[in-house]
Amino acid sequence: MNILAYADDIVLLAPAWRAMQAFLVIRENHGDILNISCNANKTVRMEFHVQPRRRSQIVSDSFPQLTLCSFYIKYVDSFKYL
């Protein structure tokens, strides 16, 4: 499960940065068809990191900013969803 929705709010979950950016590109490309609009000013991102057992398994300590419709998505430490 990677989408949680209630009324007009949606939470997207992805296992990696690249997967999340792919979800956002799909939203950009198909938003009109699905009749979904998005307020980039209200859109935020949070990251949850799981530390690997061995340091050699760390892929990256930081990731590029996510974008939605040419807007950077703001990073937050916490967010109240409903």
N, C-alpha and C. Protein backbone atom coordinates (compact mmCIF):
# COMPACT_ATOMS: atom_id res chain seq x y z
N MET A 1 0.85 -1.16 0.00
CA MET A 1 0.00 0.00 0.00
C MET A 1 0.91 1.23 0.00
N ASN A 2 0.70 2.12 -0.93
CA ASN A 2 1.53 3.32 -0.98
C ASN A 2 0.72 4.62 -1.10
N ILE A 3 -0.61 4.52 -1.02
CA ILE A 3 -1.44 5.72 -1.07
C ILE A 3 -2.49 5.63 0.04
N LEU A 4 -2.55 6.67 0.87
CA LEU A 4 -3.60 6.79 1.87
C LEU A 4 -4.41 8.02 1.48
N ALA A 5 -5.72 7.88 1.47
CA ALA A 5 -6.55 9.02 1.06
C ALA A 5 -7.76 9.15 1.97
N TYR A 6 -8.11 10.39 2.25
CA TYR A 6 -9.32 10.70 3.01
C TYR A 6 -9.84 12.04 2.52
N ALA A 7 -11.07 12.06 2.08
CA ALA A 7 -11.69 13.27 1.52
C ALA A 7 -10.80 13.81 0.40
N ASP A 8 -10.26 15.01 0.54
CA ASP A 8 -9.43 15.57 -0.53
C ASP A 8 -7.95 15.59 -0.16
N ASP A 9 -7.56 14.78 0.83
CA ASP A 9 -6.15 14.70 1.24
C ASP A 9 -5.57 13.35 0.84
N ILE A 10 -4.32 13.37 0.39
CA ILE A 10 -3.64 12.15 -0.04
C ILE A 10 -2.26 12.10 0.59
N VAL A 11 -1.88 10.92 1.06
CA VAL A 11 -0.52 10.67 1.54
C VAL A 11 0.09 9.63 0.61
N LEU A 12 1.24 9.95 0.04
CA LEU A 12 1.97 9.00 -0.80
C LEU A 12 3.12 8.43 0.00
N LEU A 13 3.31 7.13 -0.07
CA LEU A 13 4.42 6.47 0.61
C LEU A 13 5.28 5.78 -0.44
N ALA A 14 6.58 5.89 -0.30
CA ALA A 14 7.48 5.25 -1.26
C ALA A 14 8.71 4.72 -0.52
N PRO A 15 9.27 3.62 -1.01
CA PRO A 15 10.43 3.04 -0.35
C PRO A 15 11.74 3.80 -0.62
N ALA A 16 11.73 4.69 -1.61
CA ALA A 16 12.96 5.39 -1.97
C ALA A 16 12.63 6.72 -2.63
N TRP A 17 13.61 7.61 -2.64
CA TRP A 17 13.43 8.94 -3.25
C TRP A 17 13.00 8.82 -4.71
N ARG A 18 13.66 7.97 -5.46
CA ARG A 18 13.37 7.84 -6.90
C ARG A 18 11.93 7.38 -7.13
N ALA A 19 11.44 6.47 -6.30
CA ALA A 19 10.06 6.00 -6.42
C ALA A 19 9.07 7.13 -6.12
N MET A 20 9.36 7.94 -5.11
CA MET A 20 8.47 9.05 -4.79
C MET A 20 8.43 10.06 -5.93
N GLN A 21 9.58 10.38 -6.50
CA GLN A 21 9.61 11.33 -7.61
C GLN A 21 8.83 10.76 -8.79
N ALA A 22 8.90 9.45 -9.00
CA ALA A 22 8.13 8.81 -10.09
C ALA A 22 6.63 8.96 -9.83
N PHE A 23 6.18 8.78 -8.57
CA PHE A 23 4.77 8.99 -8.24
C PHE A 23 4.35 10.42 -8.57
N LEU A 24 5.20 11.38 -8.22
CA LEU A 24 4.87 12.78 -8.45
C LEU A 24 4.80 13.11 -9.94
N VAL A 25 5.66 12.50 -10.73
CA VAL A 25 5.63 12.71 -12.18
C VAL A 25 4.34 12.13 -12.76
N ILE A 26 3.94 10.96 -12.27
CA ILE A 26 2.67 10.37 -12.72
C ILE A 26 1.52 11.31 -12.37
N ARG A 27 1.54 11.88 -11.17
CA ARG A 27 0.50 12.82 -10.75
C ARG A 27 0.48 14.03 -11.67
N GLU A 28 1.64 14.53 -12.04
CA GLU A 28 1.71 15.67 -12.96
C GLU A 28 1.12 15.30 -14.32
N ASN A 29 1.49 14.14 -14.82
CA ASN A 29 1.08 13.74 -16.17
C ASN A 29 -0.39 13.34 -16.26
N HIS A 30 -0.97 12.83 -15.18
CA HIS A 30 -2.32 12.30 -15.25
C HIS A 30 -3.30 13.02 -14.33
N GLY A 31 -2.88 14.09 -13.69
CA GLY A 31 -3.76 14.82 -12.78
C GLY A 31 -5.03 15.33 -13.44
N ASP A 32 -4.91 15.86 -14.64
CA ASP A 32 -6.09 16.38 -15.35
C ASP A 32 -7.05 15.26 -15.73
N ILE A 33 -6.49 14.15 -16.18
CA ILE A 33 -7.32 13.01 -16.58
C ILE A 33 -8.09 12.47 -15.37
N LEU A 34 -7.41 12.40 -14.22
CA LEU A 34 -8.04 11.87 -13.00
C LEU A 34 -8.81 12.93 -12.23
N ASN A 35 -8.79 14.17 -12.72
CA ASN A 35 -9.45 15.30 -12.06
C ASN A 35 -8.90 15.52 -10.65
N ILE A 36 -7.58 15.48 -10.55
CA ILE A 36 -6.89 15.69 -9.27
C ILE A 36 -6.04 16.95 -9.39
N SER A 37 -6.29 17.91 -8.52
CA SER A 37 -5.44 19.10 -8.49
C SER A 37 -4.59 19.04 -7.23
N CYS A 38 -3.52 19.79 -7.23
CA CYS A 38 -2.60 19.75 -6.11
C CYS A 38 -2.14 21.17 -5.79
N ASN A 39 -2.18 21.52 -4.52
CA ASN A 39 -1.68 22.81 -4.08
C ASN A 39 -0.24 22.61 -3.62
N ALA A 40 0.71 23.03 -4.42
CA ALA A 40 2.12 22.82 -4.10
C ALA A 40 2.53 23.55 -2.81
N ASN A 41 1.82 24.62 -2.46
CA ASN A 41 2.13 25.34 -1.22
C ASN A 41 1.74 24.56 0.03
N LYS A 42 0.78 23.64 -0.10
CA LYS A 42 0.35 22.83 1.04
C LYS A 42 0.99 21.44 1.03
N THR A 43 1.77 21.14 0.02
CA THR A 43 2.40 19.83 -0.11
C THR A 43 3.73 19.82 0.62
N VAL A 44 3.93 18.82 1.46
CA VAL A 44 5.18 18.70 2.22
C VAL A 44 5.71 17.27 2.11
N ARG A 45 6.97 17.12 2.50
CA ARG A 45 7.57 15.79 2.48
C ARG A 45 8.22 15.49 3.81
N MET A 46 8.20 14.23 4.16
CA MET A 46 8.89 13.74 5.35
C MET A 46 9.70 12.53 4.94
N GLU A 47 10.81 12.31 5.61
CA GLU A 47 11.64 11.15 5.33
C GLU A 47 11.79 10.32 6.59
N PHE A 48 11.74 9.02 6.41
CA PHE A 48 11.98 8.08 7.50
C PHE A 48 13.14 7.19 7.09
N HIS A 49 14.18 7.20 7.87
CA HIS A 49 15.38 6.44 7.53
C HIS A 49 15.53 5.23 8.43
N VAL A 50 15.88 4.13 7.82
CA VAL A 50 16.22 2.92 8.56
C VAL A 50 17.72 2.71 8.38
N GLN A 51 18.42 2.65 9.47
CA GLN A 51 19.88 2.47 9.39
C GLN A 51 20.22 1.03 9.06
N PRO A 52 21.04 0.80 8.03
CA PRO A 52 21.45 -0.57 7.71
C PRO A 52 22.40 -1.11 8.78
N ARG A 53 22.52 -2.41 8.82
CA ARG A 53 23.38 -3.05 9.82
C ARG A 53 24.85 -2.70 9.61
N ARG A 54 25.26 -2.60 8.35
CA ARG A 54 26.66 -2.27 8.06
C ARG A 54 26.75 -0.92 7.37
N ARG A 55 27.69 -0.13 7.76
CA ARG A 55 27.89 1.21 7.18
C ARG A 55 28.09 1.13 5.66
N SER A 56 28.69 0.07 5.18
CA SER A 56 28.96 -0.07 3.74
C SER A 56 27.67 -0.19 2.92
N GLN A 57 26.53 -0.44 3.58
CA GLN A 57 25.25 -0.57 2.88
C GLN A 57 24.53 0.77 2.71
N ILE A 58 25.04 1.83 3.29
CA ILE A 58 24.42 3.15 3.16
C ILE A 58 24.58 3.64 1.72
N VAL A 59 23.48 3.97 1.10
CA VAL A 59 23.49 4.44 -0.28
C VAL A 59 23.81 5.94 -0.33
N SER A 60 23.14 6.71 0.53
CA SER A 60 23.34 8.15 0.56
C SER A 60 22.84 8.70 1.89
N ASP A 61 23.45 9.79 2.34
CA ASP A 61 23.00 10.46 3.56
C ASP A 61 22.03 11.60 3.25
N SER A 62 21.97 12.01 2.00
CA SER A 62 21.06 13.08 1.61
C SER A 62 20.52 12.80 0.20
N PHE A 63 19.39 13.38 -0.08
CA PHE A 63 18.73 13.13 -1.36
C PHE A 63 18.33 14.46 -1.99
N PRO A 64 18.18 14.50 -3.33
CA PRO A 64 17.76 15.73 -3.99
C PRO A 64 16.35 16.13 -3.54
N GLN A 65 16.02 17.38 -3.74
CA GLN A 65 14.66 17.83 -3.42
C GLN A 65 13.68 17.21 -4.39
N LEU A 66 12.50 16.91 -3.89
CA LEU A 66 11.42 16.42 -4.74
C LEU A 66 10.73 17.61 -5.40
N THR A 67 10.23 17.40 -6.60
CA THR A 67 9.52 18.48 -7.29
C THR A 67 8.14 18.00 -7.72
N LEU A 68 7.21 18.94 -7.75
CA LEU A 68 5.86 18.69 -8.22
C LEU A 68 5.44 19.90 -9.04
N CYS A 69 5.19 19.68 -10.32
CA CYS A 69 4.80 20.78 -11.22
C CYS A 69 5.79 21.94 -11.15
N SER A 70 7.06 21.63 -11.19
CA SER A 70 8.17 22.60 -11.18
C SER A 70 8.35 23.33 -9.85
N PHE A 71 7.67 22.92 -8.81
CA PHE A 71 7.84 23.49 -7.48
C PHE A 71 8.59 22.50 -6.60
N TYR A 72 9.51 23.01 -5.79
CA TYR A 72 10.18 22.17 -4.82
C TYR A 72 9.24 21.90 -3.65
N ILE A 73 9.22 20.68 -3.18
CA ILE A 73 8.37 20.31 -2.06
C ILE A 73 9.14 20.54 -0.76
N LYS A 74 8.52 21.27 0.15
CA LYS A 74 9.15 21.64 1.41
C LYS A 74 9.33 20.41 2.31
N TYR A 75 10.50 20.30 2.93
CA TYR A 75 10.79 19.22 3.89
C TYR A 75 10.34 19.66 5.28
N VAL A 76 9.67 18.76 6.01
CA VAL A 76 9.25 19.04 7.38
C VAL A 76 9.63 17.86 8.27
N ASP A 77 9.83 18.15 9.57
CA ASP A 77 10.12 17.10 10.54
C ASP A 77 8.86 16.43 11.07
N SER A 78 7.75 17.17 11.06
CA SER A 78 6.48 16.61 11.53
C SER A 78 5.34 17.29 10.78
N PHE A 79 4.20 16.60 10.76
CA PHE A 79 3.05 17.11 10.05
C PHE A 79 1.81 16.44 10.61
N LYS A 80 0.76 17.21 10.89
CA LYS A 80 -0.48 16.65 11.39
C LYS A 80 -1.40 16.38 10.21
N TYR A 81 -1.68 15.12 9.98
CA TYR A 81 -2.57 14.71 8.89
C TYR A 81 -3.93 14.41 9.49
N LEU A 82 -4.88 15.29 9.24
CA LEU A 82 -6.23 15.20 9.78
C LEU A 82 -6.13 15.07 11.25
